[in-house]
Amino acid sequence: MPPKVIFLDIDGVMNNLCTPSEPERPGLAACLDPDNVAVLNQIVRATGAVVVLSSSWRLSLPLAELRASFAAAGCEAQVVGITPDVDGPRRGREIRAWLDAQPEPPTRYVAIDDQFDMPELPGRLVKTCRFHGLTTRELPQVLAQLAD
């Protein structure tokens, strides 16, 4: 496992309430906002972190399709997995279950979400505003969580 992981929600993080649907892109890729993708790309370039999807989209789409959608939207992040379906209303528990299942857990990680609080991951949550998704406003906090 790479030493740095981003646990990533999609709705309200990788898109926002103003994201226009792009019909020329297939499936989920049409829902990913280019500006939010650009910020994630900045984070990945700066840190080398990989992505584990914690979004509810992981329950309805296979991992291969999720990866293809992120690639089609221009995302440079390597999507390495999804969190287990443990307790939908408590996404932090699902992230904790994923971390506990790793033979070698990541040395640095951050959860980016717009909706859930995560008392199971003290100090690891960066919350976005669903009206804007992931923006440069969250960039310093995310980078600090993933810094060496």
Protein backbone atom coordinates (compact mmCIF):
# COMPACT_ATOMS: atom_id res chain seq x y z
CA MET A 1 0.00 0.00 0.00
CA PRO A 2 1.30 3.45 -0.86
CA PRO A 3 2.10 5.48 2.24
CA LYS A 4 -0.48 8.23 1.54
CA VAL A 5 -4.20 7.71 0.98
CA ILE A 6 -7.10 10.04 0.26
CA PHE A 7 -10.50 8.64 1.29
CA LEU A 8 -12.72 10.39 -1.20
CA ASP A 9 -16.41 11.13 -1.32
CA ILE A 10 -17.83 12.11 -4.72
CA ASP A 11 -21.07 14.10 -4.42
CA GLY A 12 -20.28 17.45 -2.82
CA VAL A 13 -16.54 16.86 -3.19
CA MET A 14 -15.80 15.91 -6.80
CA ASN A 15 -18.88 17.74 -7.98
CA ASN A 16 -21.09 20.45 -6.56
CA LEU A 17 -24.59 21.81 -6.85
CA CYS A 18 -23.57 23.88 -9.89
CA THR A 19 -21.73 21.12 -11.80
CA PRO A 20 -23.12 20.94 -15.32
CA SER A 21 -23.64 17.43 -16.67
CA GLU A 22 -21.37 16.76 -19.63
CA PRO A 23 -23.21 14.36 -21.94
CA GLU A 24 -20.13 13.69 -24.07
CA ARG A 25 -18.53 11.93 -21.10
CA PRO A 26 -19.99 8.54 -20.13
CA GLY A 27 -21.58 7.59 -16.80
CA LEU A 28 -20.13 9.00 -13.61
CA ALA A 29 -17.49 10.94 -15.55
CA ALA A 30 -20.26 13.32 -16.69
CA CYS A 31 -20.90 14.18 -13.02
CA LEU A 32 -17.30 15.00 -12.05
CA ASP A 33 -16.62 18.73 -12.10
CA PRO A 34 -13.45 19.73 -13.98
CA ASP A 35 -12.55 22.35 -11.34
CA ASN A 36 -12.87 19.84 -8.48
CA VAL A 37 -10.86 17.27 -10.49
CA ALA A 38 -8.14 19.89 -11.06
CA VAL A 39 -7.78 20.45 -7.30
CA LEU A 40 -7.55 16.70 -6.67
CA ASN A 41 -4.89 16.50 -9.38
CA GLN A 42 -2.91 19.24 -7.57
CA ILE A 43 -3.06 17.22 -4.35
CA VAL A 44 -1.97 14.00 -6.06
CA ARG A 45 0.92 15.71 -7.86
CA ALA A 46 2.12 17.35 -4.64
CA THR A 47 1.84 14.28 -2.41
CA GLY A 48 1.83 11.10 -4.51
CA ALA A 49 -1.30 9.99 -2.63
CA VAL A 50 -3.67 7.37 -4.01
CA VAL A 51 -7.45 7.35 -3.70
CA VAL A 52 -9.79 4.96 -1.90
CA LEU A 53 -13.40 5.81 -2.66
CA SER A 54 -15.70 6.12 0.34
CA SER A 55 -18.61 7.54 -1.64
CA SER A 56 -21.92 5.71 -1.86
CA TRP A 57 -21.25 5.48 -5.62
CA ARG A 58 -18.96 2.54 -4.72
CA LEU A 59 -22.08 0.51 -3.83
CA SER A 60 -23.68 0.85 -7.26
CA LEU A 61 -20.74 0.83 -9.67
CA PRO A 62 -17.92 -1.73 -9.99
CA LEU A 63 -14.41 -0.53 -9.18
CA ALA A 64 -13.32 -0.84 -12.82
CA GLU A 65 -16.11 1.52 -13.90
CA LEU A 66 -15.29 3.99 -11.12
CA ARG A 67 -11.65 4.01 -12.23
CA ALA A 68 -12.62 4.49 -15.87
CA SER A 69 -14.95 7.37 -14.96
CA PHE A 70 -12.24 9.19 -13.01
CA ALA A 71 -9.77 8.70 -15.88
CA ALA A 72 -12.34 9.92 -18.45
CA ALA A 73 -12.85 13.06 -16.34
CA GLY A 74 -9.11 13.81 -16.45
CA CYS A 75 -8.31 12.67 -12.93
CA GLU A 76 -4.65 11.74 -12.46
CA ALA A 77 -5.20 9.93 -9.15
CA GLN A 78 -4.74 6.20 -8.96
CA VAL A 79 -7.98 4.79 -7.56
CA VAL A 80 -6.77 1.75 -5.62
CA GLY A 81 -9.93 0.61 -3.91
CA ILE A 82 -13.18 1.23 -2.08
CA THR A 83 -14.15 1.14 1.57
CA PRO A 84 -16.26 -1.79 2.79
CA ASP A 85 -20.02 -1.44 3.25
CA VAL A 86 -20.08 -1.58 7.04
CA ASP A 87 -22.33 1.20 8.31
CA GLY A 88 -23.67 3.63 5.69
CA PRO A 89 -24.65 6.39 8.12
CA ARG A 90 -21.18 6.26 9.70
CA ARG A 91 -18.68 6.59 6.88
CA GLY A 92 -15.84 7.01 9.38
CA ARG A 93 -16.41 3.44 10.58
CA GLU A 94 -16.07 2.18 7.01
CA ILE A 95 -12.80 4.04 6.56
CA ARG A 96 -11.57 2.72 9.92
CA ALA A 97 -12.52 -0.85 8.81
CA TRP A 98 -10.52 -0.39 5.59
CA LEU A 99 -7.51 0.90 7.52
CA ASP A 100 -7.71 -1.95 10.05
CA ALA A 101 -7.83 -4.54 7.23
CA GLN A 102 -4.53 -3.37 5.70
CA PRO A 103 -1.44 -5.45 6.48
CA GLU A 104 0.55 -2.22 6.22
CA PRO A 105 -1.68 0.81 6.79
CA PRO A 106 -0.77 4.11 5.15
CA THR A 107 1.49 6.41 7.10
CA ARG A 108 -0.58 9.48 6.15
CA TYR A 109 -4.23 9.71 5.19
CA VAL A 110 -7.09 12.17 4.94
CA ALA A 111 -10.84 11.80 4.45
CA ILE A 112 -12.52 14.38 2.23
CA ASP A 113 -16.29 14.52 2.58
CA ASP A 114 -19.08 17.09 2.54
CA GLN A 115 -21.68 15.36 4.65
CA PHE A 116 -20.41 13.04 7.33
CA ASP A 117 -18.64 13.77 10.60
CA MET A 118 -16.03 11.15 11.46
CA PRO A 119 -15.29 10.88 15.18
CA GLU A 120 -13.52 7.57 14.40
CA LEU A 121 -10.84 9.56 12.54
CA PRO A 122 -9.97 12.48 14.81
CA GLY A 123 -8.28 15.28 12.94
CA ARG A 124 -8.34 13.44 9.60
CA LEU A 125 -11.52 14.87 8.06
CA VAL A 126 -11.46 17.78 5.66
CA LYS A 127 -15.01 18.87 5.05
CA THR A 128 -16.08 20.53 1.81
CA CYS A 129 -19.12 22.63 1.03
CA ARG A 130 -21.52 20.84 -1.31
CA PHE A 131 -22.13 24.14 -3.09
CA HIS A 132 -18.48 24.23 -4.26
CA GLY A 133 -16.98 20.77 -3.78
CA LEU A 134 -13.21 20.40 -3.37
CA THR A 135 -11.57 23.77 -3.95
CA THR A 136 -8.26 25.48 -3.30
CA ARG A 137 -9.73 26.59 0.06
CA GLU A 138 -9.33 23.02 1.36
CA LEU A 139 -5.93 22.56 -0.28
CA PRO A 140 -3.75 23.71 2.67
CA GLN A 141 -5.56 21.46 5.15
CA VAL A 142 -5.41 18.40 2.84
CA LEU A 143 -1.74 18.98 2.06
CA ALA A 144 -0.95 19.33 5.77
CA GLN A 145 -2.59 15.97 6.49
CA LEU A 146 -0.51 14.28 3.78
CA ALA A 147 2.78 16.09 4.43
CA ASP A 148 5.88 14.06 5.28
